N, C-alpha and C. Protein backbone atom coordinates (compact mmCIF):
# COMPACT_ATOMS: atom_id res chain seq x y z
N MET A 1 85.70 88.32 89.30
CA MET A 1 86.70 87.75 88.42
C MET A 1 87.72 88.83 88.09
N THR A 2 88.97 88.48 88.22
CA THR A 2 90.03 89.40 87.87
C THR A 2 90.45 89.21 86.41
N LYS A 3 91.27 90.11 85.92
CA LYS A 3 91.74 90.02 84.54
C LYS A 3 92.52 88.71 84.33
N SER A 4 93.36 88.34 85.28
CA SER A 4 94.14 87.11 85.13
C SER A 4 93.23 85.88 85.16
N GLU A 5 92.17 85.91 85.97
CA GLU A 5 91.22 84.80 85.97
C GLU A 5 90.48 84.71 84.64
N LEU A 6 90.15 85.86 84.05
CA LEU A 6 89.51 85.88 82.74
C LEU A 6 90.43 85.28 81.69
N ILE A 7 91.71 85.65 81.73
CA ILE A 7 92.68 85.11 80.78
C ILE A 7 92.80 83.60 80.94
N ASN A 8 92.89 83.13 82.17
CA ASN A 8 92.98 81.67 82.41
C ASN A 8 91.73 80.95 81.92
N ALA A 9 90.55 81.51 82.18
CA ALA A 9 89.31 80.88 81.73
C ALA A 9 89.25 80.81 80.20
N LEU A 10 89.66 81.89 79.54
CA LEU A 10 89.66 81.91 78.08
C LEU A 10 90.64 80.89 77.52
N SER A 11 91.83 80.82 78.09
CA SER A 11 92.83 79.87 77.58
C SER A 11 92.38 78.43 77.78
N MET A 12 91.73 78.14 78.90
CA MET A 12 91.25 76.78 79.16
C MET A 12 90.08 76.43 78.25
N ARG A 13 89.13 77.36 78.13
CA ARG A 13 87.90 77.08 77.37
C ARG A 13 88.18 76.94 75.88
N GLU A 14 89.05 77.78 75.34
CA GLU A 14 89.31 77.77 73.90
C GLU A 14 90.61 77.07 73.52
N ASN A 15 91.24 76.42 74.49
CA ASN A 15 92.48 75.68 74.26
C ASN A 15 93.55 76.57 73.62
N LEU A 16 93.76 77.73 74.24
CA LEU A 16 94.75 78.70 73.77
C LEU A 16 95.92 78.73 74.73
N THR A 17 97.05 79.22 74.24
CA THR A 17 98.15 79.46 75.17
C THR A 17 97.80 80.68 76.01
N GLU A 18 98.43 80.78 77.16
CA GLU A 18 98.16 81.93 78.03
C GLU A 18 98.56 83.24 77.34
N LYS A 19 99.61 83.17 76.54
CA LYS A 19 100.07 84.37 75.82
C LYS A 19 99.01 84.83 74.81
N ASP A 20 98.45 83.89 74.06
CA ASP A 20 97.41 84.24 73.08
C ASP A 20 96.16 84.78 73.77
N ALA A 21 95.77 84.15 74.87
CA ALA A 21 94.59 84.61 75.60
C ALA A 21 94.82 86.01 76.16
N THR A 22 96.03 86.28 76.64
CA THR A 22 96.37 87.61 77.15
C THR A 22 96.26 88.65 76.05
N GLU A 23 96.77 88.33 74.87
CA GLU A 23 96.70 89.26 73.74
C GLU A 23 95.26 89.55 73.35
N ILE A 24 94.41 88.55 73.37
CA ILE A 24 93.00 88.73 73.02
C ILE A 24 92.31 89.64 74.04
N VAL A 25 92.48 89.35 75.32
CA VAL A 25 91.84 90.15 76.37
C VAL A 25 92.36 91.59 76.33
N ASN A 26 93.67 91.75 76.18
CA ASN A 26 94.23 93.10 76.11
C ASN A 26 93.73 93.86 74.89
N SER A 27 93.57 93.18 73.77
CA SER A 27 93.05 93.83 72.55
C SER A 27 91.62 94.32 72.75
N ILE A 28 90.82 93.52 73.41
CA ILE A 28 89.43 93.92 73.68
C ILE A 28 89.40 95.13 74.60
N PHE A 29 90.16 95.07 75.69
CA PHE A 29 90.19 96.19 76.63
C PHE A 29 90.76 97.45 75.98
N ASP A 30 91.79 97.30 75.14
CA ASP A 30 92.37 98.45 74.44
C ASP A 30 91.35 99.07 73.49
N GLY A 31 90.57 98.23 72.82
CA GLY A 31 89.53 98.72 71.93
C GLY A 31 88.46 99.50 72.68
N PHE A 32 88.04 98.96 73.81
CA PHE A 32 87.06 99.67 74.65
C PHE A 32 87.61 101.02 75.08
N THR A 33 88.86 101.02 75.55
CA THR A 33 89.48 102.25 76.05
C THR A 33 89.59 103.30 74.95
N GLU A 34 90.04 102.91 73.78
CA GLU A 34 90.18 103.86 72.67
C GLU A 34 88.84 104.44 72.26
N ALA A 35 87.81 103.61 72.20
CA ALA A 35 86.48 104.08 71.83
C ALA A 35 85.98 105.11 72.84
N LEU A 36 86.17 104.84 74.12
CA LEU A 36 85.72 105.76 75.15
C LEU A 36 86.54 107.05 75.16
N LYS A 37 87.86 106.94 74.95
CA LYS A 37 88.72 108.12 74.91
C LYS A 37 88.32 109.04 73.76
N ASN A 38 87.86 108.46 72.67
CA ASN A 38 87.47 109.25 71.49
C ASN A 38 86.02 109.71 71.54
N GLY A 39 85.40 109.59 72.70
CA GLY A 39 84.03 110.08 72.88
C GLY A 39 82.95 109.12 72.44
N GLY A 40 83.33 107.91 72.11
CA GLY A 40 82.36 106.92 71.64
C GLY A 40 81.70 106.18 72.79
N LYS A 41 80.95 105.19 72.41
CA LYS A 41 80.21 104.36 73.36
C LYS A 41 80.49 102.91 72.99
N VAL A 42 80.59 102.03 73.98
CA VAL A 42 80.80 100.61 73.75
C VAL A 42 79.56 99.88 74.23
N GLU A 43 78.93 99.13 73.33
CA GLU A 43 77.71 98.41 73.70
C GLU A 43 77.89 96.93 73.39
N VAL A 44 77.68 96.11 74.40
CA VAL A 44 77.71 94.66 74.25
C VAL A 44 76.29 94.18 74.52
N ARG A 45 75.59 93.82 73.45
CA ARG A 45 74.18 93.43 73.57
C ARG A 45 73.98 92.34 74.60
N GLY A 46 73.01 92.52 75.47
CA GLY A 46 72.70 91.55 76.50
C GLY A 46 73.56 91.68 77.74
N PHE A 47 74.65 92.44 77.65
CA PHE A 47 75.55 92.61 78.79
C PHE A 47 75.45 94.01 79.38
N GLY A 48 75.69 95.01 78.54
CA GLY A 48 75.60 96.39 79.01
C GLY A 48 76.34 97.33 78.09
N SER A 49 76.40 98.60 78.49
CA SER A 49 77.09 99.58 77.66
C SER A 49 77.96 100.47 78.54
N PHE A 50 79.07 100.88 77.95
CA PHE A 50 80.01 101.78 78.59
C PHE A 50 79.95 103.11 77.86
N SER A 51 79.96 104.20 78.62
CA SER A 51 79.99 105.53 78.02
C SER A 51 80.80 106.44 78.93
N VAL A 52 81.03 107.66 78.46
CA VAL A 52 81.78 108.63 79.24
C VAL A 52 80.84 109.76 79.62
N ARG A 53 80.85 110.12 80.88
CA ARG A 53 80.06 111.25 81.36
C ARG A 53 81.01 112.39 81.68
N LYS A 54 80.66 113.56 81.19
CA LYS A 54 81.48 114.74 81.42
C LYS A 54 80.92 115.52 82.61
N TYR A 55 81.80 115.88 83.53
CA TYR A 55 81.41 116.64 84.70
C TYR A 55 82.07 118.00 84.66
N LYS A 56 81.32 119.03 84.96
CA LYS A 56 81.83 120.40 84.99
C LYS A 56 82.64 120.61 86.27
N ALA A 57 83.41 121.69 86.27
CA ALA A 57 84.16 122.07 87.47
C ALA A 57 83.16 122.50 88.56
N TYR A 58 83.54 122.27 89.80
CA TYR A 58 82.68 122.68 90.91
C TYR A 58 83.53 122.92 92.15
N ILE A 59 82.93 123.49 93.14
CA ILE A 59 83.60 123.72 94.41
C ILE A 59 83.22 122.58 95.35
N GLY A 60 84.23 121.82 95.79
CA GLY A 60 84.01 120.71 96.71
C GLY A 60 84.47 121.09 98.10
N ARG A 61 84.35 120.16 99.02
CA ARG A 61 84.77 120.41 100.39
C ARG A 61 85.71 119.32 100.85
N ASN A 62 86.83 119.71 101.40
CA ASN A 62 87.78 118.77 101.95
C ASN A 62 87.23 118.25 103.28
N PRO A 63 86.96 116.96 103.42
CA PRO A 63 86.34 116.45 104.64
C PRO A 63 87.28 116.49 105.86
N LYS A 64 88.59 116.55 105.62
CA LYS A 64 89.53 116.59 106.75
C LYS A 64 89.48 117.91 107.50
N ASN A 65 89.47 119.02 106.73
CA ASN A 65 89.53 120.31 107.40
C ASN A 65 88.41 121.27 107.01
N SER A 66 87.43 120.79 106.29
CA SER A 66 86.24 121.56 105.89
C SER A 66 86.54 122.79 105.04
N THR A 67 87.66 122.80 104.36
CA THR A 67 87.95 123.93 103.47
C THR A 67 87.39 123.65 102.08
N ASN A 68 87.05 124.71 101.37
CA ASN A 68 86.56 124.57 100.01
C ASN A 68 87.73 124.37 99.06
N VAL A 69 87.54 123.48 98.08
CA VAL A 69 88.57 123.22 97.07
C VAL A 69 87.91 123.23 95.70
N ALA A 70 88.65 123.74 94.72
CA ALA A 70 88.15 123.74 93.35
C ALA A 70 88.42 122.38 92.73
N VAL A 71 87.39 121.76 92.20
CA VAL A 71 87.52 120.47 91.52
C VAL A 71 87.44 120.74 90.02
N LYS A 72 88.46 120.29 89.30
CA LYS A 72 88.54 120.53 87.85
C LYS A 72 87.50 119.70 87.11
N PRO A 73 87.14 120.13 85.89
CA PRO A 73 86.23 119.30 85.09
C PRO A 73 86.87 117.95 84.79
N LYS A 74 86.05 116.93 84.66
CA LYS A 74 86.59 115.59 84.43
C LYS A 74 85.63 114.75 83.61
N ASN A 75 86.18 113.71 83.03
CA ASN A 75 85.41 112.71 82.31
C ASN A 75 85.53 111.40 83.08
N LEU A 76 84.40 110.75 83.33
CA LEU A 76 84.40 109.48 84.04
C LEU A 76 83.65 108.43 83.22
N SER A 77 84.17 107.23 83.24
CA SER A 77 83.49 106.15 82.54
C SER A 77 82.27 105.72 83.35
N PHE A 78 81.25 105.27 82.64
CA PHE A 78 79.98 104.89 83.25
C PHE A 78 79.52 103.60 82.60
N PHE A 79 79.03 102.66 83.40
CA PHE A 79 78.52 101.39 82.89
C PHE A 79 77.03 101.29 83.20
N LYS A 80 76.26 100.94 82.19
CA LYS A 80 74.83 100.70 82.38
C LYS A 80 74.57 99.24 82.05
N VAL A 81 74.08 98.50 83.02
CA VAL A 81 73.85 97.07 82.86
C VAL A 81 72.73 96.83 81.85
N GLY A 82 72.90 95.78 81.04
CA GLY A 82 71.88 95.40 80.06
C GLY A 82 70.75 94.63 80.72
N LYS A 83 69.61 94.65 80.07
CA LYS A 83 68.42 94.00 80.62
C LYS A 83 68.62 92.49 80.81
N GLU A 84 69.24 91.83 79.83
CA GLU A 84 69.43 90.39 79.91
C GLU A 84 70.36 90.02 81.07
N LEU A 85 71.47 90.76 81.24
CA LEU A 85 72.38 90.49 82.35
C LEU A 85 71.69 90.75 83.68
N LYS A 86 70.94 91.82 83.75
CA LYS A 86 70.21 92.15 84.97
C LYS A 86 69.27 91.01 85.36
N ASN A 87 68.54 90.48 84.39
CA ASN A 87 67.62 89.39 84.65
C ASN A 87 68.35 88.10 85.03
N ARG A 88 69.49 87.82 84.39
CA ARG A 88 70.25 86.61 84.71
C ARG A 88 70.79 86.68 86.14
N VAL A 89 71.32 87.81 86.52
CA VAL A 89 71.85 87.96 87.87
C VAL A 89 70.73 87.87 88.90
N ASP A 90 69.56 88.38 88.54
CA ASP A 90 68.41 88.36 89.43
C ASP A 90 67.74 86.98 89.47
N GLY A 91 68.18 86.06 88.58
CA GLY A 91 67.63 84.72 88.57
C GLY A 91 66.35 84.55 87.78
N LYS A 92 65.99 85.58 86.99
CA LYS A 92 64.74 85.52 86.23
C LYS A 92 64.90 84.90 84.86
N LEU A 93 66.13 84.76 84.38
CA LEU A 93 66.38 84.23 83.04
C LEU A 93 67.56 83.27 83.11
N MET A 94 67.42 82.13 82.52
CA MET A 94 68.52 81.18 82.52
C MET A 94 69.04 80.95 81.17
């Protein structure tokens, strides 16, 4: 499902205008982003949790020419699936 499909589904299900549904979806995503940028964690019970993992600098290898390159430290978002979602996708819970 894409973001636009999510907006369309929300507007149809809740009888909202597309503009209102867009604002709601964007507000949720903006809230998630701000929480993660500030070092927080986002947890949606039954669905999963988002967190940020910090990676130290390291020496990587360029696969094109096999030269070593310095990779800067970085923060990457990480998603851990919730138990209920995992079971629903696996067909164990309806």
